[in-house]
Amino acid sequence: MPIVPTRSDIAIRLSFAVVAAALIGMNRSEHSRAAGLRTSILVSLAACIAMLQVNLLVPLAGRSSDSFVMNDLMRLPLGILSGMGFIGAGAIVRRGNFVAGVTTAATMWFLTVIGLCFGGDQIALGTVGAALGIIVLTGLKLVEDRMRQDHQGSLLLVTGLTGPDEDEIRRVLQGGGFRITSCTFAATHGPDSRVLKCDLHWRAKPYDTKVPEFVYLLMAREGVVRIAWTPLAR
């Protein structure tokens, strides 16, 4: 690696940084995720240019001890990494039990490291790192989509005197693989109408959004006045 990069060295490093970021950014854009193509390229380019600037400033680092300025060149890439940490933290959003943006923040931080590798002429390391990143974002996404994950939802059931009692409702829910985490009961308009609300927990594939079979079973049951099923956002 030359101490001071030539124009061709700079062009090669910038090109690798753009190509690697573009491949990862296209994956993000295809899935309508934040930090898509343009953001990914900008992050990688910024890190690469910062590292190139360090290389260009190397001849100025060997100043005498009585100089009024002492250059600590590694502060520049370290500052880039720290600043990207703040930007990544801003991409994380929490809504109740749902947390979004963690993968976006990790991708931005990862692209910063890849850009620093290319800017420091670590072409092989940056290429291998970018390839591994693409495998993680694409290949492991397919694995995640096939995994059964935790889901939560709530069931609201209004029944009359001839409707199912709590024990029967619990049997129907448990028979479908649903676990009741909490249950509230209320009587309205005297003893003729009962309101039962249950918070449920179950395991299913991430994008399994169909209405559970037990909803239709209870809906067809005599004495059921009203039924409402609400899956909670994850």
C-alpha atoms as a PDB file:
ATOM      1  CA  MET A   1       0.000   0.000   0.000  1.00  0.00           C
ATOM      2  CA  PRO A   2       1.541   3.346  -1.019  1.00  0.00           C
ATOM      3  CA  ILE A   3       1.962   5.894   1.757  1.00  0.00           C
ATOM      4  CA  VAL A   4       0.371   8.576  -0.394  1.00  0.00           C
ATOM      5  CA  PRO A   5      -2.273   7.205  -2.796  1.00  0.00           C
ATOM      6  CA  THR A   6      -2.102   8.142  -6.446  1.00  0.00           C
ATOM      7  CA  ARG A   7      -5.106   9.221  -8.483  1.00  0.00           C
ATOM      8  CA  SER A   8      -5.593   5.702  -9.793  1.00  0.00           C
ATOM      9  CA  ASP A   9      -5.446   4.337  -6.211  1.00  0.00           C
ATOM     10  CA  ILE A  10      -8.078   6.850  -5.118  1.00  0.00           C
ATOM     11  CA  ALA A  11     -10.318   5.959  -8.078  1.00  0.00           C
ATOM     12  CA  ILE A  12     -10.045   2.220  -7.356  1.00  0.00           C
ATOM     13  CA  ARG A  13     -10.853   2.623  -3.656  1.00  0.00           C
ATOM     14  CA  LEU A  14     -13.807   4.904  -4.324  1.00  0.00           C
ATOM     15  CA  SER A  15     -15.117   2.517  -6.987  1.00  0.00           C
ATOM     16  CA  PHE A  16     -14.993  -0.481  -4.671  1.00  0.00           C
ATOM     17  CA  ALA A  17     -16.736   1.509  -1.938  1.00  0.00           C
ATOM     18  CA  VAL A  18     -19.530   2.556  -4.323  1.00  0.00           C
ATOM     19  CA  VAL A  19     -20.040  -0.929  -5.802  1.00  0.00           C
ATOM     20  CA  ALA A  20     -20.126  -2.678  -2.415  1.00  0.00           C
ATOM     21  CA  ALA A  21     -22.531  -0.103  -0.974  1.00  0.00           C
ATOM     22  CA  ALA A  22     -24.725  -0.249  -4.091  1.00  0.00           C
ATOM     23  CA  LEU A  23     -25.129  -4.029  -3.825  1.00  0.00           C
ATOM     24  CA  ILE A  24     -26.141  -3.780  -0.176  1.00  0.00           C
ATOM     25  CA  GLY A  25     -28.291  -0.694  -0.800  1.00  0.00           C
ATOM     26  CA  MET A  26     -30.232  -2.392  -3.604  1.00  0.00           C
ATOM     27  CA  ASN A  27     -31.093  -5.209  -1.220  1.00  0.00           C
ATOM     28  CA  ARG A  28     -32.440  -2.667   1.258  1.00  0.00           C
ATOM     29  CA  SER A  29     -34.409  -0.757  -1.386  1.00  0.00           C
ATOM     30  CA  GLU A  30     -35.963  -3.923  -2.847  1.00  0.00           C
ATOM     31  CA  HIS A  31     -37.491  -4.681   0.553  1.00  0.00           C
ATOM     32  CA  SER A  32     -38.647  -1.055   1.085  1.00  0.00           C
ATOM     33  CA  ARG A  33     -36.296  -0.598   4.011  1.00  0.00           C
ATOM     34  CA  ALA A  34     -34.783   2.638   5.266  1.00  0.00           C
ATOM     35  CA  ALA A  35     -31.161   3.387   4.318  1.00  0.00           C
ATOM     36  CA  GLY A  36     -31.658   2.289   0.723  1.00  0.00           C
ATOM     37  CA  LEU A  37     -29.435   2.671  -2.330  1.00  0.00           C
ATOM     38  CA  ARG A  38     -28.520   6.363  -2.067  1.00  0.00           C
ATOM     39  CA  THR A  39     -28.058   6.372   1.703  1.00  0.00           C
ATOM     40  CA  SER A  40     -25.875   3.251   1.604  1.00  0.00           C
ATOM     41  CA  ILE A  41     -23.601   4.706  -1.073  1.00  0.00           C
ATOM     42  CA  LEU A  42     -23.280   8.027   0.754  1.00  0.00           C
ATOM     43  CA  VAL A  43     -22.356   6.331   4.032  1.00  0.00           C
ATOM     44  CA  SER A  44     -19.722   4.125   2.416  1.00  0.00           C
ATOM     45  CA  LEU A  45     -18.334   7.004   0.344  1.00  0.00           C
ATOM     46  CA  ALA A  46     -18.073   9.279   3.381  1.00  0.00           C
ATOM     47  CA  ALA A  47     -16.082   6.669   5.294  1.00  0.00           C
ATOM     48  CA  CYS A  48     -13.885   5.923   2.288  1.00  0.00           C
ATOM     49  CA  ILE A  49     -13.135   9.594   1.658  1.00  0.00           C
ATOM     50  CA  ALA A  50     -12.328  10.101   5.337  1.00  0.00           C
ATOM     51  CA  MET A  51      -9.808   7.266   5.226  1.00  0.00           C
ATOM     52  CA  LEU A  52      -8.357   8.593   1.965  1.00  0.00           C
ATOM     53  CA  GLN A  53      -7.906  11.951   3.638  1.00  0.00           C
ATOM     54  CA  VAL A  54      -5.955  10.248   6.405  1.00  0.00           C
ATOM     55  CA  ASN A  55      -3.645   8.726   3.769  1.00  0.00           C
ATOM     56  CA  LEU A  56      -3.193  12.091   2.073  1.00  0.00           C
ATOM     57  CA  LEU A  57      -2.348  13.762   5.392  1.00  0.00           C
ATOM     58  CA  VAL A  58       0.250  11.167   6.373  1.00  0.00           C
ATOM     59  CA  PRO A  59       3.207  13.322   5.121  1.00  0.00           C
ATOM     60  CA  LEU A  60       2.061  16.043   7.550  1.00  0.00           C
ATOM     61  CA  ALA A  61       1.991  13.731  10.574  1.00  0.00           C
ATOM     62  CA  GLY A  62       5.724  13.714  11.216  1.00  0.00           C
ATOM     63  CA  ARG A  63       6.061  17.198  12.595  1.00  0.00           C
ATOM     64  CA  SER A  64       8.605  18.099  15.223  1.00  0.00           C
ATOM     65  CA  SER A  65       7.575  18.066  18.863  1.00  0.00           C
ATOM     66  CA  ASP A  66       7.821  21.869  19.117  1.00  0.00           C
ATOM     67  CA  SER A  67       5.283  22.364  16.320  1.00  0.00           C
ATOM     68  CA  PHE A  68       2.131  24.200  17.369  1.00  0.00           C
ATOM     69  CA  VAL A  69       0.007  21.504  15.660  1.00  0.00           C
ATOM     70  CA  MET A  70       0.312  17.762  16.184  1.00  0.00           C
ATOM     71  CA  ASN A  71      -1.763  15.577  13.876  1.00  0.00           C
ATOM     72  CA  ASP A  72      -3.469  12.488  15.273  1.00  0.00           C
ATOM     73  CA  LEU A  73      -4.781  11.198  11.973  1.00  0.00           C
ATOM     74  CA  MET A  74      -6.677   8.213  13.363  1.00  0.00           C
ATOM     75  CA  ARG A  75      -9.100  10.553  15.083  1.00  0.00           C
ATOM     76  CA  LEU A  76     -10.759  11.181  11.725  1.00  0.00           C
ATOM     77  CA  PRO A  77     -11.970   7.594  11.005  1.00  0.00           C
ATOM     78  CA  LEU A  78     -12.747   7.079  14.682  1.00  0.00           C
ATOM     79  CA  GLY A  79     -14.870  10.224  14.610  1.00  0.00           C
ATOM     80  CA  ILE A  80     -16.666   8.918  11.529  1.00  0.00           C
ATOM     81  CA  LEU A  81     -17.519   5.690  13.351  1.00  0.00           C
ATOM     82  CA  SER A  82     -18.740   7.567  16.426  1.00  0.00           C
ATOM     83  CA  GLY A  83     -20.865   9.925  14.350  1.00  0.00           C
ATOM     84  CA  MET A  84     -22.413   7.024  12.461  1.00  0.00           C
ATOM     85  CA  GLY A  85     -23.342   5.499  15.818  1.00  0.00           C
ATOM     86  CA  PHE A  86     -25.459   8.575  16.604  1.00  0.00           C
ATOM     87  CA  ILE A  87     -27.099   8.511  13.166  1.00  0.00           C
ATOM     88  CA  GLY A  88     -27.828   4.798  13.546  1.00  0.00           C
ATOM     89  CA  ALA A  89     -29.384   5.367  16.954  1.00  0.00           C
ATOM     90  CA  GLY A  90     -31.734   7.903  15.379  1.00  0.00           C
ATOM     91  CA  ALA A  91     -32.903   5.252  12.892  1.00  0.00           C
ATOM     92  CA  ILE A  92     -34.177   2.998  15.697  1.00  0.00           C
ATOM     93  CA  VAL A  93     -37.853   3.535  16.538  1.00  0.00           C
ATOM     94  CA  ARG A  94     -39.793   1.975  19.409  1.00  0.00           C
ATOM     95  CA  ARG A  95     -43.580   1.718  19.434  1.00  0.00           C
ATOM     96  CA  GLY A  96     -44.710  -0.179  22.512  1.00  0.00           C
ATOM     97  CA  ASN A  97     -43.316  -3.691  22.202  1.00  0.00           C
ATOM     98  CA  PHE A  98     -42.346  -3.125  18.568  1.00  0.00           C
ATOM     99  CA  VAL A  99     -38.779  -2.002  17.794  1.00  0.00           C
ATOM    100  CA  ALA A 100     -37.878  -1.065  14.201  1.00  0.00           C
ATOM    101  CA  GLY A 101     -34.712   0.165  12.546  1.00  0.00           C
ATOM    102  CA  VAL A 102     -32.149  -1.990  14.343  1.00  0.00           C
ATOM    103  CA  THR A 103     -31.056  -3.713  11.121  1.00  0.00           C
ATOM    104  CA  THR A 104     -30.954  -0.332   9.374  1.00  0.00           C
ATOM    105  CA  ALA A 105     -28.652   1.077  12.061  1.00  0.00           C
ATOM    106  CA  ALA A 106     -26.420  -2.007  11.932  1.00  0.00           C
ATOM    107  CA  THR A 107     -26.243  -1.809   8.122  1.00  0.00           C
ATOM    108  CA  MET A 108     -25.178   1.838   8.207  1.00  0.00           C
ATOM    109  CA  TRP A 109     -22.491   1.100  10.776  1.00  0.00           C
ATOM    110  CA  PHE A 110     -21.344  -1.915   8.744  1.00  0.00           C
ATOM    111  CA  LEU A 111     -21.122   0.162   5.550  1.00  0.00           C
ATOM    112  CA  THR A 112     -18.998   2.696   7.420  1.00  0.00           C
ATOM    113  CA  VAL A 113     -16.486  -0.007   8.319  1.00  0.00           C
ATOM    114  CA  ILE A 114     -16.494  -1.308   4.737  1.00  0.00           C
ATOM    115  CA  GLY A 115     -15.853   2.208   3.439  1.00  0.00           C
ATOM    116  CA  LEU A 116     -12.955   2.637   5.859  1.00  0.00           C
ATOM    117  CA  CYS A 117     -11.469  -0.650   4.638  1.00  0.00           C
ATOM    118  CA  PHE A 118     -11.559   0.439   0.998  1.00  0.00           C
ATOM    119  CA  GLY A 119     -10.316   3.914   1.837  1.00  0.00           C
ATOM    120  CA  GLY A 120      -7.352   2.387   3.675  1.00  0.00           C
ATOM    121  CA  ASP A 121      -6.530   0.198   0.632  1.00  0.00           C
ATOM    122  CA  GLN A 122      -7.671  -2.974   2.385  1.00  0.00           C
ATOM    123  CA  ILE A 123      -9.410  -4.084  -0.811  1.00  0.00           C
ATOM    124  CA  ALA A 124      -9.459  -7.814  -0.032  1.00  0.00           C
ATOM    125  CA  LEU A 125     -10.762  -7.297   3.500  1.00  0.00           C
ATOM    126  CA  GLY A 126     -13.428  -4.865   2.311  1.00  0.00           C
ATOM    127  CA  THR A 127     -14.525  -7.174  -0.511  1.00  0.00           C
ATOM    128  CA  VAL A 128     -14.834 -10.201   1.763  1.00  0.00           C
ATOM    129  CA  GLY A 129     -16.644  -8.108   4.366  1.00  0.00           C
ATOM    130  CA  ALA A 130     -19.090  -6.747   1.781  1.00  0.00           C
ATOM    131  CA  ALA A 131     -19.759 -10.257   0.449  1.00  0.00           C
ATOM    132  CA  LEU A 132     -20.461 -11.528   3.959  1.00  0.00           C
ATOM    133  CA  GLY A 133     -22.766  -8.579   4.567  1.00  0.00           C
ATOM    134  CA  ILE A 134     -24.764  -9.352   1.418  1.00  0.00           C
ATOM    135  CA  ILE A 135     -25.057 -13.005   2.476  1.00  0.00           C
ATOM    136  CA  VAL A 136     -26.332 -11.958   5.903  1.00  0.00           C
ATOM    137  CA  LEU A 137     -28.915  -9.526   4.497  1.00  0.00           C
ATOM    138  CA  THR A 138     -30.201 -11.837   1.751  1.00  0.00           C
ATOM    139  CA  GLY A 139     -29.552 -15.435   2.768  1.00  0.00           C
ATOM    140  CA  LEU A 140     -30.403 -15.127   6.447  1.00  0.00           C
ATOM    141  CA  LYS A 141     -33.537 -13.125   5.600  1.00  0.00           C
ATOM    142  CA  LEU A 142     -34.866 -16.242   3.885  1.00  0.00           C
ATOM    143  CA  VAL A 143     -34.071 -18.241   7.020  1.00  0.00           C
ATOM    144  CA  GLU A 144     -35.860 -15.689   9.233  1.00  0.00           C
ATOM    145  CA  ASP A 145     -38.966 -15.820   7.021  1.00  0.00           C
ATOM    146  CA  ARG A 146     -39.204 -19.587   7.577  1.00  0.00           C
ATOM    147  CA  MET A 147     -38.761 -19.423  11.342  1.00  0.00           C
ATOM    148  CA  ARG A 148     -41.707 -19.532  13.712  1.00  0.00           C
ATOM    149  CA  GLN A 149     -41.714 -16.369  15.825  1.00  0.00           C
ATOM    150  CA  ASP A 150     -43.646 -15.075  18.818  1.00  0.00           C
ATOM    151  CA  HIS A 151     -46.918 -13.248  18.044  1.00  0.00           C
ATOM    152  CA  GLN A 152     -49.414 -11.462  20.243  1.00  0.00           C
ATOM    153  CA  GLY A 153     -53.069 -10.564  19.795  1.00  0.00           C
ATOM    154  CA  SER A 154     -56.302  -9.908  21.647  1.00  0.00           C
ATOM    155  CA  LEU A 155     -59.743 -11.513  21.453  1.00  0.00           C
ATOM    156  CA  LEU A 156     -62.927  -9.657  22.440  1.00  0.00           C
ATOM    157  CA  LEU A 157     -65.977 -11.851  22.884  1.00  0.00           C
ATOM    158  CA  VAL A 158     -69.503 -10.742  23.848  1.00  0.00           C
ATOM    159  CA  THR A 159     -71.840 -13.622  24.694  1.00  0.00           C
ATOM    160  CA  GLY A 160     -75.380 -14.112  25.936  1.00  0.00           C
ATOM    161  CA  LEU A 161     -76.696 -16.612  28.439  1.00  0.00           C
ATOM    162  CA  THR A 162     -76.580 -19.438  25.904  1.00  0.00           C
ATOM    163  CA  GLY A 163     -73.082 -18.568  24.750  1.00  0.00           C
ATOM    164  CA  PRO A 164     -69.897 -20.482  25.579  1.00  0.00           C
ATOM    165  CA  ASP A 165     -68.515 -20.113  29.085  1.00  0.00           C
ATOM    166  CA  GLU A 166     -64.935 -19.234  29.940  1.00  0.00           C
ATOM    167  CA  ASP A 167     -63.811 -22.863  30.264  1.00  0.00           C
ATOM    168  CA  GLU A 168     -65.086 -23.717  26.789  1.00  0.00           C
ATOM    169  CA  ILE A 169     -63.421 -20.644  25.300  1.00  0.00           C
ATOM    170  CA  ARG A 170     -60.119 -21.577  26.929  1.00  0.00           C
ATOM    171  CA  ARG A 171     -60.331 -25.104  25.523  1.00  0.00           C
ATOM    172  CA  VAL A 172     -60.936 -23.768  22.004  1.00  0.00           C
ATOM    173  CA  LEU A 173     -58.012 -21.359  22.228  1.00  0.00           C
ATOM    174  CA  GLN A 174     -55.570 -23.844  23.710  1.00  0.00           C
ATOM    175  CA  GLY A 175     -56.617 -26.450  21.143  1.00  0.00           C
ATOM    176  CA  GLY A 176     -55.500 -24.050  18.422  1.00  0.00           C
ATOM    177  CA  GLY A 177     -52.082 -23.546  19.965  1.00  0.00           C
ATOM    178  CA  PHE A 178     -52.859 -20.184  21.572  1.00  0.00           C
ATOM    179  CA  ARG A 179     -51.771 -19.382  25.127  1.00  0.00           C
ATOM    180  CA  ILE A 180     -53.788 -16.935  27.225  1.00  0.00           C
ATOM    181  CA  THR A 181     -51.507 -14.432  28.954  1.00  0.00           C
ATOM    182  CA  SER A 182     -54.274 -12.386  30.609  1.00  0.00           C
ATOM    183  CA  CYS A 183     -58.048 -12.344  30.673  1.00  0.00           C
ATOM    184  CA  THR A 184     -60.597  -9.717  31.757  1.00  0.00           C
ATOM    185  CA  PHE A 185     -64.334 -10.173  32.313  1.00  0.00           C
ATOM    186  CA  ALA A 186     -67.253  -7.731  32.461  1.00  0.00           C
ATOM    187  CA  ALA A 187     -71.065  -7.966  32.524  1.00  0.00           C
ATOM    188  CA  THR A 188     -73.139  -5.377  30.683  1.00  0.00           C
ATOM    189  CA  HIS A 189     -76.884  -4.762  30.672  1.00  0.00           C
ATOM    190  CA  GLY A 190     -77.389  -7.087  33.615  1.00  0.00           C
ATOM    191  CA  PRO A 191     -76.475 -10.764  33.627  1.00  0.00           C
ATOM    192  CA  ASP A 192     -77.720 -11.359  30.063  1.00  0.00           C
ATOM    193  CA  SER A 193     -74.544 -10.123  28.364  1.00  0.00           C
ATOM    194  CA  ARG A 194     -70.951 -10.980  29.203  1.00  0.00           C
ATOM    195  CA  VAL A 195     -67.760  -9.460  27.804  1.00  0.00           C
ATOM    196  CA  LEU A 196     -64.562 -11.474  27.814  1.00  0.00           C
ATOM    197  CA  LYS A 197     -61.273 -10.049  26.606  1.00  0.00           C
ATOM    198  CA  CYS A 198     -58.191 -12.274  26.350  1.00  0.00           C
ATOM    199  CA  ASP A 199     -54.609 -11.396  25.457  1.00  0.00           C
ATOM    200  CA  LEU A 200     -53.078 -14.264  23.493  1.00  0.00           C
ATOM    201  CA  HIS A 201     -49.601 -15.474  22.644  1.00  0.00           C
ATOM    202  CA  TRP A 202     -48.689 -17.962  19.912  1.00  0.00           C
ATOM    203  CA  ARG A 203     -45.904 -18.913  17.507  1.00  0.00           C
ATOM    204  CA  ALA A 204     -46.185 -18.627  13.728  1.00  0.00           C
ATOM    205  CA  LYS A 205     -44.242 -17.507  10.670  1.00  0.00           C
ATOM    206  CA  PRO A 206     -43.471 -13.760  10.546  1.00  0.00           C
ATOM    207  CA  TYR A 207     -45.975 -12.903   7.817  1.00  0.00           C
ATOM    208  CA  ASP A 208     -48.766 -15.257   8.834  1.00  0.00           C
ATOM    209  CA  THR A 209     -51.601 -12.697   9.054  1.00  0.00           C
ATOM    210  CA  LYS A 210     -54.642 -14.870   8.402  1.00  0.00           C
ATOM    211  CA  VAL A 211     -57.485 -14.876  10.921  1.00  0.00           C
ATOM    212  CA  PRO A 212     -57.166 -17.894  13.262  1.00  0.00           C
ATOM    213  CA  GLU A 213     -59.572 -20.782  12.802  1.00  0.00           C
ATOM    214  CA  PHE A 214     -60.910 -20.485  16.358  1.00  0.00           C
ATOM    215  CA  VAL A 215     -62.448 -17.091  15.484  1.00  0.00           C
ATOM    216  CA  TYR A 216     -64.753 -18.747  12.950  1.00  0.00           C
ATOM    217  CA  LEU A 217     -65.519 -21.604  15.349  1.00  0.00           C
ATOM    218  CA  LEU A 218     -66.593 -19.205  18.091  1.00  0.00           C
ATOM    219  CA  MET A 219     -68.448 -16.968  15.636  1.00  0.00           C
ATOM    220  CA  ALA A 220     -70.628 -19.925  14.591  1.00  0.00           C
ATOM    221  CA  ARG A 221     -71.347 -20.843  18.207  1.00  0.00           C
ATOM    222  CA  GLU A 222     -74.866 -20.107  19.465  1.00  0.00           C
ATOM    223  CA  GLY A 223     -75.077 -17.237  21.928  1.00  0.00           C
ATOM    224  CA  VAL A 224     -72.087 -15.281  20.592  1.00  0.00           C
ATOM    225  CA  VAL A 225     -73.250 -11.683  20.147  1.00  0.00           C
ATOM    226  CA  ARG A 226     -69.996 -10.113  18.990  1.00  0.00           C
ATOM    227  CA  ILE A 227     -66.441 -11.232  18.368  1.00  0.00           C
ATOM    228  CA  ALA A 228     -63.373  -9.140  17.493  1.00  0.00           C
ATOM    229  CA  TRP A 229     -59.852 -10.351  16.738  1.00  0.00           C
ATOM    230  CA  THR A 230     -56.907  -7.898  16.838  1.00  0.00           C
ATOM    231  CA  PRO A 231     -53.324  -9.010  16.168  1.00  0.00           C
ATOM    232  CA  LEU A 232     -50.801  -6.700  17.825  1.00  0.00           C
ATOM    233  CA  ALA A 233     -48.041  -5.094  15.781  1.00  0.00           C
ATOM    234  CA  ARG A 234     -44.632  -6.645  16.271  1.00  0.00           C
END
